[in-house]
C-alpha atoms as a PDB file:
ATOM      1  CA  MET A   1      12.451  11.492  25.683  1.00  0.00           C
ATOM      2  CA  PRO A   2      13.902   9.133  28.296  1.00  0.00           C
ATOM      3  CA  GLU A   3      17.398  10.038  29.447  1.00  0.00           C
ATOM      4  CA  GLY A   4      20.001   8.062  27.569  1.00  0.00           C
ATOM      5  CA  LEU A   5      17.946   7.788  24.383  1.00  0.00           C
ATOM      6  CA  ALA A   6      18.299  11.410  23.317  1.00  0.00           C
ATOM      7  CA  GLU A   7      21.363  12.536  21.422  1.00  0.00           C
ATOM      8  CA  PRO A   8      23.618  15.016  23.273  1.00  0.00           C
ATOM      9  CA  GLY A   9      22.373  18.579  22.819  1.00  0.00           C
ATOM     10  CA  SER A  10      19.028  17.560  21.288  1.00  0.00           C
ATOM     11  CA  LYS A  11      15.729  19.016  22.470  1.00  0.00           C
ATOM     12  CA  HIS A  12      12.407  17.179  22.601  1.00  0.00           C
ATOM     13  CA  TRP A  13       8.945  18.434  23.418  1.00  0.00           C
ATOM     14  CA  ARG A  14       5.771  16.580  24.323  1.00  0.00           C
ATOM     15  CA  ALA A  15       3.615  19.045  22.423  1.00  0.00           C
ATOM     16  CA  MET A  16       3.365  20.414  18.925  1.00  0.00           C
ATOM     17  CA  GLU A  17       1.519  23.281  17.297  1.00  0.00           C
ATOM     18  CA  MET A  18      -0.602  22.721  14.211  1.00  0.00           C
ATOM     19  CA  THR A  19       0.183  25.700  11.988  1.00  0.00           C
ATOM     20  CA  LEU A  20      -1.326  24.206   8.838  1.00  0.00           C
ATOM     21  CA  HIS A  21      -5.027  23.453   9.207  1.00  0.00           C
ATOM     22  CA  VAL A  22      -5.447  20.642   6.678  1.00  0.00           C
ATOM     23  CA  PRO A  23      -6.346  16.974   7.136  1.00  0.00           C
ATOM     24  CA  TRP A  24      -3.544  14.682   8.319  1.00  0.00           C
ATOM     25  CA  PHE A  25      -3.466  10.935   8.812  1.00  0.00           C
ATOM     26  CA  LEU A  26      -2.555   8.254  11.343  1.00  0.00           C
ATOM     27  CA  LEU A  27      -1.700   5.043   9.508  1.00  0.00           C
ATOM     28  CA  THR A  28      -1.215   1.950  11.697  1.00  0.00           C
ATOM     29  CA  LEU A  29       0.844  -0.827  10.147  1.00  0.00           C
ATOM     30  CA  GLU A  30       1.622  -4.373  11.158  1.00  0.00           C
ATOM     31  CA  HIS A  31       5.256  -4.944  12.048  1.00  0.00           C
ATOM     32  CA  VAL A  32       6.667  -7.738   9.920  1.00  0.00           C
ATOM     33  CA  ASP A  33       8.833 -10.061  12.024  1.00  0.00           C
ATOM     34  CA  LEU A  34      11.701 -10.978   9.733  1.00  0.00           C
ATOM     35  CA  GLU A  35      13.430 -13.090  12.379  1.00  0.00           C
ATOM     36  CA  GLY A  36      10.615 -15.646  12.645  1.00  0.00           C
ATOM     37  CA  ARG A  37       9.762 -15.016  16.306  1.00  0.00           C
ATOM     38  CA  ASP A  38       6.045 -14.654  15.521  1.00  0.00           C
ATOM     39  CA  LEU A  39       5.740 -11.321  17.337  1.00  0.00           C
ATOM     40  CA  ALA A  40       2.607  -9.302  16.592  1.00  0.00           C
ATOM     41  CA  THR A  41       3.362  -5.594  16.921  1.00  0.00           C
ATOM     42  CA  ASN A  42       2.103  -2.472  15.183  1.00  0.00           C
ATOM     43  CA  TYR A  43       3.550   0.953  14.553  1.00  0.00           C
ATOM     44  CA  THR A  44       1.846   4.178  13.535  1.00  0.00           C
ATOM     45  CA  LEU A  45       2.928   6.792  11.019  1.00  0.00           C
ATOM     46  CA  CYS A  46       1.727  10.396  11.153  1.00  0.00           C
ATOM     47  CA  ILE A  47       1.382  11.557   7.535  1.00  0.00           C
ATOM     48  CA  ALA A  48       0.803  15.183   6.589  1.00  0.00           C
ATOM     49  CA  TRP A  49      -0.268  14.989   2.938  1.00  0.00           C
ATOM     50  CA  GLU A  50      -2.834  12.794   1.200  1.00  0.00           C
ATOM     51  CA  THR A  51      -0.469  12.143  -1.712  1.00  0.00           C
ATOM     52  CA  ASP A  52       2.156  10.838   0.730  1.00  0.00           C
ATOM     53  CA  LEU A  53      -0.512   8.624   2.298  1.00  0.00           C
ATOM     54  CA  ALA A  54      -1.282   7.112  -1.117  1.00  0.00           C
ATOM     55  CA  ASP A  55       2.437   6.607  -1.825  1.00  0.00           C
ATOM     56  CA  VAL A  56       3.009   4.852   1.516  1.00  0.00           C
ATOM     57  CA  ILE A  57       0.067   2.500   0.962  1.00  0.00           C
ATOM     58  CA  LYS A  58       1.289   1.672  -2.551  1.00  0.00           C
ATOM     59  CA  THR A  59       4.851   1.102  -1.296  1.00  0.00           C
ATOM     60  CA  ILE A  60       4.098  -0.901   1.855  1.00  0.00           C
ATOM     61  CA  GLY A  61       1.068  -2.767   0.565  1.00  0.00           C
ATOM     62  CA  ALA A  62      -2.498  -2.724   1.848  1.00  0.00           C
ATOM     63  CA  SER A  63      -2.130  -6.128   3.546  1.00  0.00           C
ATOM     64  CA  HIS A  64       0.096  -4.569   6.240  1.00  0.00           C
ATOM     65  CA  VAL A  65      -2.365  -1.769   7.103  1.00  0.00           C
ATOM     66  CA  ARG A  66      -4.238  -2.322  10.385  1.00  0.00           C
ATOM     67  CA  GLY A  67      -6.049   1.016  10.581  1.00  0.00           C
ATOM     68  CA  LEU A  68      -6.303   4.521   9.202  1.00  0.00           C
ATOM     69  CA  VAL A  69      -7.648   7.653  10.857  1.00  0.00           C
ATOM     70  CA  ALA A  70      -8.064  11.034   9.165  1.00  0.00           C
ATOM     71  CA  MET A  71      -7.667  13.979  11.520  1.00  0.00           C
ATOM     72  CA  MET A  72      -9.975  16.680  10.235  1.00  0.00           C
ATOM     73  CA  PRO A  73      -9.422  20.408  10.927  1.00  0.00           C
ATOM     74  CA  ALA A  74     -12.173  22.597  12.362  1.00  0.00           C
ATOM     75  CA  TRP A  75     -13.252  23.962   8.960  1.00  0.00           C
ATOM     76  CA  ALA A  76     -13.887  20.393   7.705  1.00  0.00           C
ATOM     77  CA  SER A  77     -15.536  19.089  10.859  1.00  0.00           C
ATOM     78  CA  PRO A  78     -19.209  19.247  11.876  1.00  0.00           C
ATOM     79  CA  THR A  79     -18.138  20.121  15.439  1.00  0.00           C
ATOM     80  CA  GLY A  80     -16.098  23.196  14.478  1.00  0.00           C
ATOM     81  CA  GLN A  81     -13.123  21.560  16.266  1.00  0.00           C
ATOM     82  CA  TRP A  82     -10.472  19.083  15.180  1.00  0.00           C
ATOM     83  CA  SER A  83     -12.082  15.643  14.888  1.00  0.00           C
ATOM     84  CA  SER A  84     -11.225  12.195  13.614  1.00  0.00           C
ATOM     85  CA  ARG A  85     -12.768   9.889  11.026  1.00  0.00           C
ATOM     86  CA  GLN A  86     -12.026   6.188  10.808  1.00  0.00           C
ATOM     87  CA  ILE A  87     -11.208   5.393   7.179  1.00  0.00           C
ATOM     88  CA  THR A  88     -12.141   2.163   5.409  1.00  0.00           C
ATOM     89  CA  GLU A  89     -11.165   2.951   1.795  1.00  0.00           C
ATOM     90  CA  VAL A  90      -8.502   4.979   0.012  1.00  0.00           C
ATOM     91  CA  TRP A  91      -8.974   5.751  -3.695  1.00  0.00           C
ATOM     92  CA  LEU A  92      -6.554   7.409  -6.086  1.00  0.00           C
ATOM     93  CA  ARG A  93      -8.718   9.237  -8.646  1.00  0.00           C
ATOM     94  CA  THR A  94      -7.901  11.002 -11.884  1.00  0.00           C
ATOM     95  CA  ASP A  95     -10.075  13.622 -13.572  1.00  0.00           C
ATOM     96  CA  ASP A  96      -9.609  16.645 -15.830  1.00  0.00           C
ATOM     97  CA  GLN A  97      -8.015  18.570 -12.924  1.00  0.00           C
ATOM     98  CA  GLY A  98      -5.396  15.892 -12.149  1.00  0.00           C
ATOM     99  CA  THR A  99      -4.986  13.211  -9.497  1.00  0.00           C
ATOM    100  CA  SER A 100      -6.618  13.329  -6.080  1.00  0.00           C
ATOM    101  CA  VAL A 101      -7.069  11.040  -3.085  1.00  0.00           C
ATOM    102  CA  THR A 102     -10.605  10.167  -2.009  1.00  0.00           C
ATOM    103  CA  LEU A 103     -11.378   8.549   1.328  1.00  0.00           C
ATOM    104  CA  THR A 104     -14.419   6.599   2.527  1.00  0.00           C
ATOM    105  CA  ASP A 105     -15.142   6.698   6.248  1.00  0.00           C
ATOM    106  CA  CYS A 106     -16.726   3.924   8.333  1.00  0.00           C
ATOM    107  CA  ALA A 107     -20.170   5.526   7.793  1.00  0.00           C
ATOM    108  CA  GLY A 108     -19.742   5.046   4.019  1.00  0.00           C
ATOM    109  CA  LYS A 109     -19.297   8.760   3.263  1.00  0.00           C
ATOM    110  CA  GLN A 110     -16.709   9.676   0.641  1.00  0.00           C
ATOM    111  CA  PHE A 111     -14.708  12.884   0.790  1.00  0.00           C
ATOM    112  CA  ASP A 112     -11.707  14.509  -0.839  1.00  0.00           C
ATOM    113  CA  ALA A 113      -8.658  13.967   1.377  1.00  0.00           C
ATOM    114  CA  GLY A 114      -6.992  17.204   0.293  1.00  0.00           C
ATOM    115  CA  ILE A 115      -7.337  20.794   1.328  1.00  0.00           C
ATOM    116  CA  ARG A 116     -10.638  21.250  -0.520  1.00  0.00           C
ATOM    117  CA  GLY A 117     -12.458  18.655   1.583  1.00  0.00           C
ATOM    118  CA  ALA A 118     -15.171  18.544  -1.095  1.00  0.00           C
ATOM    119  CA  PRO A 119     -16.970  15.388  -2.177  1.00  0.00           C
ATOM    120  CA  PRO A 120     -15.367  13.606  -5.136  1.00  0.00           C
ATOM    121  CA  LYS A 121     -16.662  14.265  -8.630  1.00  0.00           C
ATOM    122  CA  ALA A 122     -19.058  11.620  -9.904  1.00  0.00           C
ATOM    123  CA  GLY A 123     -17.793   9.393 -12.680  1.00  0.00           C
ATOM    124  CA  CYS A 124     -14.048  10.034 -12.419  1.00  0.00           C
ATOM    125  CA  ALA A 125     -11.724   7.030 -12.825  1.00  0.00           C
ATOM    126  CA  GLY A 126     -10.064   5.629  -9.755  1.00  0.00           C
ATOM    127  CA  ASP A 127      -7.885   2.898  -8.280  1.00  0.00           C
ATOM    128  CA  LEU A 128      -8.755   1.336  -4.920  1.00  0.00           C
ATOM    129  CA  LEU A 129      -5.514   1.415  -2.893  1.00  0.00           C
ATOM    130  CA  LEU A 130      -6.895   0.241   0.452  1.00  0.00           C
ATOM    131  CA  GLN A 131     -10.041  -1.408   1.734  1.00  0.00           C
ATOM    132  CA  LEU A 132     -10.432  -2.146   5.449  1.00  0.00           C
ATOM    133  CA  PRO A 133     -13.411  -3.687   7.226  1.00  0.00           C
ATOM    134  CA  SER A 134     -15.638  -1.117   8.935  1.00  0.00           C
ATOM    135  CA  GLY A 135     -16.187  -1.194  12.680  1.00  0.00           C
ATOM    136  CA  ASN A 136     -13.935  -1.070  15.699  1.00  0.00           C
ATOM    137  CA  PRO A 137     -10.660  -2.999  15.088  1.00  0.00           C
ATOM    138  CA  ARG A 138     -10.460  -3.949  18.786  1.00  0.00           C
ATOM    139  CA  THR A 139     -13.981  -5.423  18.637  1.00  0.00           C
ATOM    140  CA  ARG A 140     -13.084  -7.286  15.432  1.00  0.00           C
ATOM    141  CA  ARG A 141      -9.982  -8.739  17.152  1.00  0.00           C
ATOM    142  CA  LYS A 142     -12.020  -9.816  20.205  1.00  0.00           C
ATOM    143  CA  ARG A 143     -14.697 -11.334  17.980  1.00  0.00           C
ATOM    144  CA  SER A 144     -12.026 -13.134  15.947  1.00  0.00           C
ATOM    145  CA  ALA A 145     -10.318 -14.485  19.091  1.00  0.00           C
ATOM    146  CA  ALA A 146     -13.667 -15.660  20.485  1.00  0.00           C
ATOM    147  CA  THR A 147     -14.481 -17.363  17.175  1.00  0.00           C
ATOM    148  CA  ASP A 148     -11.064 -19.082  17.132  1.00  0.00           C
ATOM    149  CA  LYS A 149     -11.556 -20.244  20.737  1.00  0.00           C
ATOM    150  CA  ALA A 150     -15.032 -21.633  19.921  1.00  0.00           C
ATOM    151  CA  ARG A 151     -13.605 -23.460  16.898  1.00  0.00           C
ATOM    152  CA  ARG A 152     -10.938 -25.070  19.093  1.00  0.00           C
ATOM    153  CA  ARG A 153     -13.647 -26.299  21.496  1.00  0.00           C
ATOM    154  CA  ALA A 154     -16.037 -27.480  18.794  1.00  0.00           C
ATOM    155  CA  PRO A 155     -16.023 -31.171  17.983  1.00  0.00           C
ATOM    156  CA  PRO A 156     -14.656 -32.065  14.548  1.00  0.00           C
ATOM    157  CA  ALA A 157     -17.203 -32.086  11.715  1.00  0.00           C
ATOM    158  CA  ARG A 158     -18.277 -35.513  10.454  1.00  0.00           C
END
């Protein structure tokens, strides 16, 4: 923490220990400029529980979400180490055992976002809370900027 920003007597560390080995989430949101300055900034939330993730998406609205990454613990990862999965869909599903959150990664694979990490049950009802385009967001932005630039250079249609 830079000097002057910390409160007197507070302590800050640049490391943390993961004592609970369950999936957690990095949700990147667009900053809404309420003062009309047309500033494009993002901020990222670190969310520990899948139910909180669903609540945040419902509260903020999917249109403000720029990206979502699920951090997967070693037991739920093919590498045996913590790994990440880029998420393109978030579903809130209800079955005979209650409500659960199901995620779809950029490879199209669905999985339970909770501690079980099991695939969702077939045929259970669900609400789509979030749907993002697959692929690298940076590449999408570059492609979009290049397309906009080409449109500006193109002669008007007749």
